[in-house]
Amino acid sequence: QLNAEIDELVAQRERLDARLVADVRVFAKGVEWCVRHDEFHKPRNGKGKTAWVKYCDSALETGNKRLQLLRENKKPWSTQTGSSIRGYTSRVDGSIQPYAISLPSNFADAKPGQRWPLHVKLHGRGGTRNEVRFFTEHGGKAPGKDQTWIQLDVFGRTDNAYRWSGETDVFEALKDVKRRYRIDDYRITLWGFSMGGAGAWHLGLHYPSMWSSVGPGAGFIDFYNY
C-alpha cells in the first residue's frame, strides 16, 4: 500500500525530487526485503515477540509519515539535527539502499557557503542486521554533544566487510550526501570498528586520496581466512 501511494504521488507530480522519493520508499523496500527473505530472527531465549516485527512496524510508520509530509511539500528530515535515514537508488541492481545521516546541533547556524567536515562511519558485524534493524539503530538519535561535523553511517549491504556491492555502497552513499549537503572534500574522515575497522583499512589503503584521515579499529586483516 505504501509503495502504491508513493507511485500515485510520483505520477501526480512530474518534478518531484527523486531523492525525497527515495527517502520515503526506502522504508517500504526494507520491510519488503525483510518479508521476502524471512529475516525475522528469533529472540535468543526463544521466547517473546521477535524484534523484527517491531522494526517493520516502525519503518512503515515512518514511511507513511514522510509520505504525508511530502504530499504537503514538506521535507523536515532534510534539515533536522541528529540522525535520520535516507535512501538512494543503487546502480548495482536498481534497488533503494539506505544510509543514515547525522546533522550537528548548529547546522541551522551555518554561514552561507560553509562547507562541513564529514565523518564516514562503517559499522561492525551484526550477524542479524538488515535494513529494518538499521533504521531502528540510527533513526532519531540526538547529535553528539560536541559534534561539529556531518556524520554518514553506511549500511554497506549488511555484513560483507565493505567489499563488492558493500564497497560500492560506501561510494554511492557518499556521493548522495555530497549532492544534498556542502561537504569539505579535504576533511572527509573514514573510520570503523571490528568489521568496520577492516573496511576502513581496506578502503583507506585502496583509495588514500579520498580521506583526510583513516581510523581502523580492531579490524581483521587476514581476509582470506575471514
Protein backbone atom coordinates (compact mmCIF):
# COMPACT_ATOMS: atom_id res chain seq x y z
CA GLN A 1 0.00 0.00 0.00
CA LEU A 2 2.80 2.40 0.85
CA ASN A 3 4.53 1.71 -2.47
CA ALA A 4 1.27 2.19 -4.36
CA GLU A 5 0.64 5.55 -2.68
CA ILE A 6 4.19 6.66 -3.44
CA ASP A 7 3.70 5.70 -7.10
CA GLU A 8 0.47 7.70 -7.16
CA LEU A 9 2.18 10.80 -5.79
CA VAL A 10 5.05 10.48 -8.28
CA ALA A 11 2.55 10.20 -11.14
CA GLN A 12 0.79 13.37 -9.98
CA ARG A 13 3.96 15.46 -9.66
CA GLU A 14 6.41 15.18 -12.52
CA ARG A 15 9.01 17.40 -10.86
CA LEU A 16 9.05 15.65 -7.52
CA ASP A 17 12.65 15.34 -6.26
CA ALA A 18 13.75 11.71 -6.76
CA ARG A 19 15.96 11.92 -3.67
CA LEU A 20 12.99 12.75 -1.46
CA VAL A 21 11.01 9.91 -3.00
CA ALA A 22 13.87 7.52 -2.17
CA ASP A 23 13.80 8.83 1.42
CA VAL A 24 10.24 7.56 1.66
CA ARG A 25 10.42 4.44 -0.47
CA VAL A 26 13.45 3.10 1.41
CA PHE A 27 11.19 2.15 4.33
CA ALA A 28 8.79 0.15 2.18
CA LYS A 29 11.70 -1.57 0.46
CA GLY A 30 13.32 -2.52 3.77
CA VAL A 31 10.15 -4.17 5.01
CA GLU A 32 9.55 -5.86 1.64
CA TRP A 33 13.00 -7.49 1.64
CA CYS A 34 12.70 -8.48 5.31
CA VAL A 35 9.49 -10.35 4.49
CA ARG A 36 10.78 -11.77 1.20
CA HIS A 37 13.85 -13.32 2.82
CA ASP A 38 12.12 -14.23 6.11
CA GLU A 39 14.56 -12.24 8.23
CA PHE A 40 12.50 -12.29 11.42
CA HIS A 41 15.22 -13.59 13.72
CA LYS A 42 14.14 -15.33 16.91
CA PRO A 43 14.96 -13.91 20.37
CA ARG A 44 18.00 -15.54 21.94
CA ASN A 45 15.92 -17.09 24.72
CA GLY A 46 13.46 -18.44 22.17
CA LYS A 47 10.57 -16.60 23.78
CA GLY A 48 8.60 -13.44 23.12
CA LYS A 49 7.79 -11.46 20.02
CA THR A 50 10.65 -11.09 17.59
CA ALA A 51 12.02 -7.56 17.49
CA TRP A 52 11.98 -7.54 13.69
CA VAL A 53 8.18 -7.31 13.65
CA LYS A 54 8.50 -4.11 15.69
CA TYR A 55 11.26 -2.88 13.37
CA CYS A 56 8.94 -3.37 10.38
CA ASP A 57 6.01 -1.66 12.11
CA SER A 58 8.23 1.31 12.95
CA ALA A 59 9.59 1.51 9.38
CA LEU A 60 6.10 1.59 7.87
CA GLU A 61 5.00 4.22 10.37
CA THR A 62 7.95 6.45 9.46
CA GLY A 63 7.43 5.86 5.74
CA ASN A 64 3.77 6.85 5.95
CA LYS A 65 4.58 9.98 7.96
CA ARG A 66 7.15 11.08 5.41
CA LEU A 67 4.76 10.39 2.56
CA GLN A 68 2.15 12.65 4.14
CA LEU A 69 4.75 15.39 4.62
CA LEU A 70 5.82 15.03 1.01
CA ARG A 71 2.19 15.47 -0.07
CA GLU A 72 2.27 18.77 1.82
CA ASN A 73 5.52 19.79 0.10
CA LYS A 74 7.43 19.44 3.37
CA LYS A 75 10.74 17.67 4.00
CA PRO A 76 11.75 18.40 7.61
CA TRP A 77 14.03 15.37 7.83
CA SER A 78 16.45 17.03 5.39
CA THR A 79 17.44 19.66 7.94
CA GLN A 80 16.62 18.06 11.29
CA THR A 81 19.54 17.79 13.67
CA GLY A 82 20.60 14.37 14.87
CA SER A 83 20.32 11.23 12.80
CA SER A 84 17.76 10.26 10.18
CA ILE A 85 17.50 7.64 7.47
CA ARG A 86 17.92 8.48 3.78
CA GLY A 87 17.67 6.43 0.60
CA TYR A 88 19.18 6.36 -2.86
CA THR A 89 18.84 4.18 -5.97
CA SER A 90 21.90 1.95 -6.43
CA ARG A 91 23.43 1.45 -9.85
CA VAL A 92 24.32 -2.12 -8.82
CA ASP A 93 20.80 -3.53 -9.07
CA GLY A 94 18.38 -0.59 -9.16
CA SER A 95 17.33 -1.15 -5.55
CA ILE A 96 16.74 1.56 -2.96
CA GLN A 97 19.56 1.42 -0.41
CA PRO A 98 19.63 3.17 2.98
CA TYR A 99 22.17 5.19 4.88
CA ALA A 100 21.95 7.34 8.00
CA ILE A 101 22.98 10.97 8.22
CA SER A 102 23.55 12.92 11.43
CA LEU A 103 23.50 16.72 11.37
CA PRO A 104 25.11 18.69 14.22
CA SER A 105 23.03 20.84 16.54
CA ASN A 106 24.43 24.04 14.99
CA PHE A 107 23.57 23.00 11.43
CA ALA A 108 20.93 25.73 11.06
CA ASP A 109 23.51 28.36 12.03
CA ALA A 110 25.78 27.60 9.08
CA LYS A 111 27.15 30.60 7.24
CA PRO A 112 26.40 31.00 3.51
CA GLY A 113 28.79 28.82 1.53
CA GLN A 114 30.04 26.98 4.60
CA ARG A 115 31.36 23.50 3.93
CA TRP A 116 31.13 20.77 6.55
CA PRO A 117 33.64 18.13 7.58
CA LEU A 118 32.24 14.64 7.03
CA HIS A 119 32.83 11.56 9.18
CA VAL A 120 32.13 8.32 7.29
CA LYS A 121 31.47 5.56 9.80
CA LEU A 122 31.49 1.84 8.98
CA HIS A 123 29.58 -0.43 11.37
CA GLY A 124 30.83 -3.74 12.76
CA ARG A 125 29.38 -7.13 12.00
CA GLY A 126 25.86 -7.56 13.37
CA GLY A 127 25.02 -11.05 12.18
CA THR A 128 21.29 -10.34 12.10
CA ARG A 129 21.47 -6.81 10.69
CA ASN A 130 19.17 -5.89 7.83
CA GLU A 131 17.53 -2.68 6.64
CA VAL A 132 14.75 -2.52 9.23
CA ARG A 133 17.16 -3.10 12.10
CA PHE A 134 19.47 -0.44 10.65
CA PHE A 135 16.55 2.01 10.60
CA THR A 136 15.95 1.46 14.32
CA GLU A 137 19.64 1.68 15.21
CA HIS A 138 20.16 5.04 13.52
CA GLY A 139 16.83 6.82 13.19
CA GLY A 140 16.01 9.68 15.55
CA LYS A 141 19.26 9.76 17.55
CA ALA A 142 20.39 13.08 19.04
CA PRO A 143 23.59 14.66 17.70
CA GLY A 144 26.77 14.26 19.71
CA LYS A 145 27.35 16.86 22.42
CA ASP A 146 30.45 18.29 20.76
CA GLN A 147 29.61 17.29 17.18
CA THR A 148 30.71 19.92 14.69
CA TRP A 149 30.61 17.69 11.60
CA ILE A 150 28.11 15.78 9.49
CA GLN A 151 28.25 12.03 10.00
CA LEU A 152 27.43 9.38 7.42
CA ASP A 153 26.67 5.90 8.77
CA VAL A 154 26.95 3.46 5.88
CA PHE A 155 24.74 0.36 5.58
CA GLY A 156 27.18 -1.46 3.30
CA ARG A 157 24.73 -4.11 2.08
CA THR A 158 24.73 -5.66 5.58
CA ASP A 159 27.83 -7.65 6.57
CA ASN A 160 30.26 -8.25 3.71
CA ALA A 161 33.18 -6.24 5.13
CA TYR A 162 32.56 -3.38 2.67
CA ARG A 163 33.63 -5.35 -0.38
CA TRP A 164 31.86 -5.92 -3.71
CA SER A 165 28.43 -4.24 -3.55
CA GLY A 166 29.27 -3.22 0.04
CA GLU A 167 32.24 -1.23 -1.22
CA THR A 168 30.10 0.38 -3.91
CA ASP A 169 27.56 1.32 -1.24
CA VAL A 170 30.16 3.41 0.59
CA PHE A 171 30.87 5.48 -2.51
CA GLU A 172 27.26 5.72 -3.66
CA ALA A 173 26.10 6.88 -0.22
CA LEU A 174 28.96 9.38 -0.08
CA LYS A 175 28.03 10.73 -3.49
CA ASP A 176 24.39 11.12 -2.46
CA VAL A 177 25.39 13.03 0.69
CA LYS A 178 27.52 15.41 -1.38
CA ARG A 179 24.51 16.11 -3.60
CA ARG A 180 22.46 17.14 -0.58
CA TYR A 181 24.98 18.98 1.61
CA ARG A 182 28.03 21.17 1.16
CA ILE A 183 30.89 18.87 2.17
CA ASP A 184 34.54 19.86 2.51
CA ASP A 185 36.36 17.35 0.28
CA TYR A 186 39.58 17.97 2.22
CA ARG A 187 38.05 16.94 5.56
CA ILE A 188 36.44 13.55 4.97
CA THR A 189 37.36 11.09 7.69
CA LEU A 190 36.87 7.34 7.33
CA TRP A 191 36.63 5.15 10.42
CA GLY A 192 35.11 1.98 11.80
CA PHE A 193 35.44 -0.71 14.45
CA SER A 194 35.71 -4.51 14.12
CA MET A 195 34.36 -5.36 10.65
CA GLY A 196 34.11 -1.60 10.16
CA GLY A 197 37.78 -1.34 11.05
CA ALA A 198 38.58 -3.91 8.39
CA GLY A 199 36.54 -1.88 5.92
CA ALA A 200 38.31 1.34 6.87
CA TRP A 201 41.70 -0.39 6.45
CA HIS A 202 40.67 -1.82 3.08
CA LEU A 203 39.18 1.38 1.65
CA GLY A 204 41.81 3.59 3.24
CA LEU A 205 44.64 1.71 1.56
CA HIS A 206 42.99 1.40 -1.83
CA TYR A 207 41.66 4.98 -2.06
CA PRO A 208 44.06 7.05 0.10
CA SER A 209 43.47 10.36 -1.71
CA MET A 210 39.80 10.39 -0.69
CA TRP A 211 40.29 10.70 3.06
CA SER A 212 41.85 13.30 5.33
CA SER A 213 42.42 10.53 7.87
CA VAL A 214 41.54 6.87 8.35
CA GLY A 215 40.79 5.18 11.68
CA PRO A 216 40.62 1.37 11.50
CA GLY A 217 39.75 0.00 14.95
CA ALA A 218 40.24 -3.70 15.84
CA GLY A 219 39.65 -4.79 12.27
CA PHE A 220 40.80 -8.13 10.86
CA ILE A 221 43.43 -8.01 8.12
CA ASP A 222 43.58 -11.74 7.28
CA PHE A 223 40.69 -11.50 4.85
CA TYR A 224 41.45 -14.86 3.19
CA ASN A 225 40.59 -16.76 6.34
CA TYR A 226 37.73 -14.42 7.18
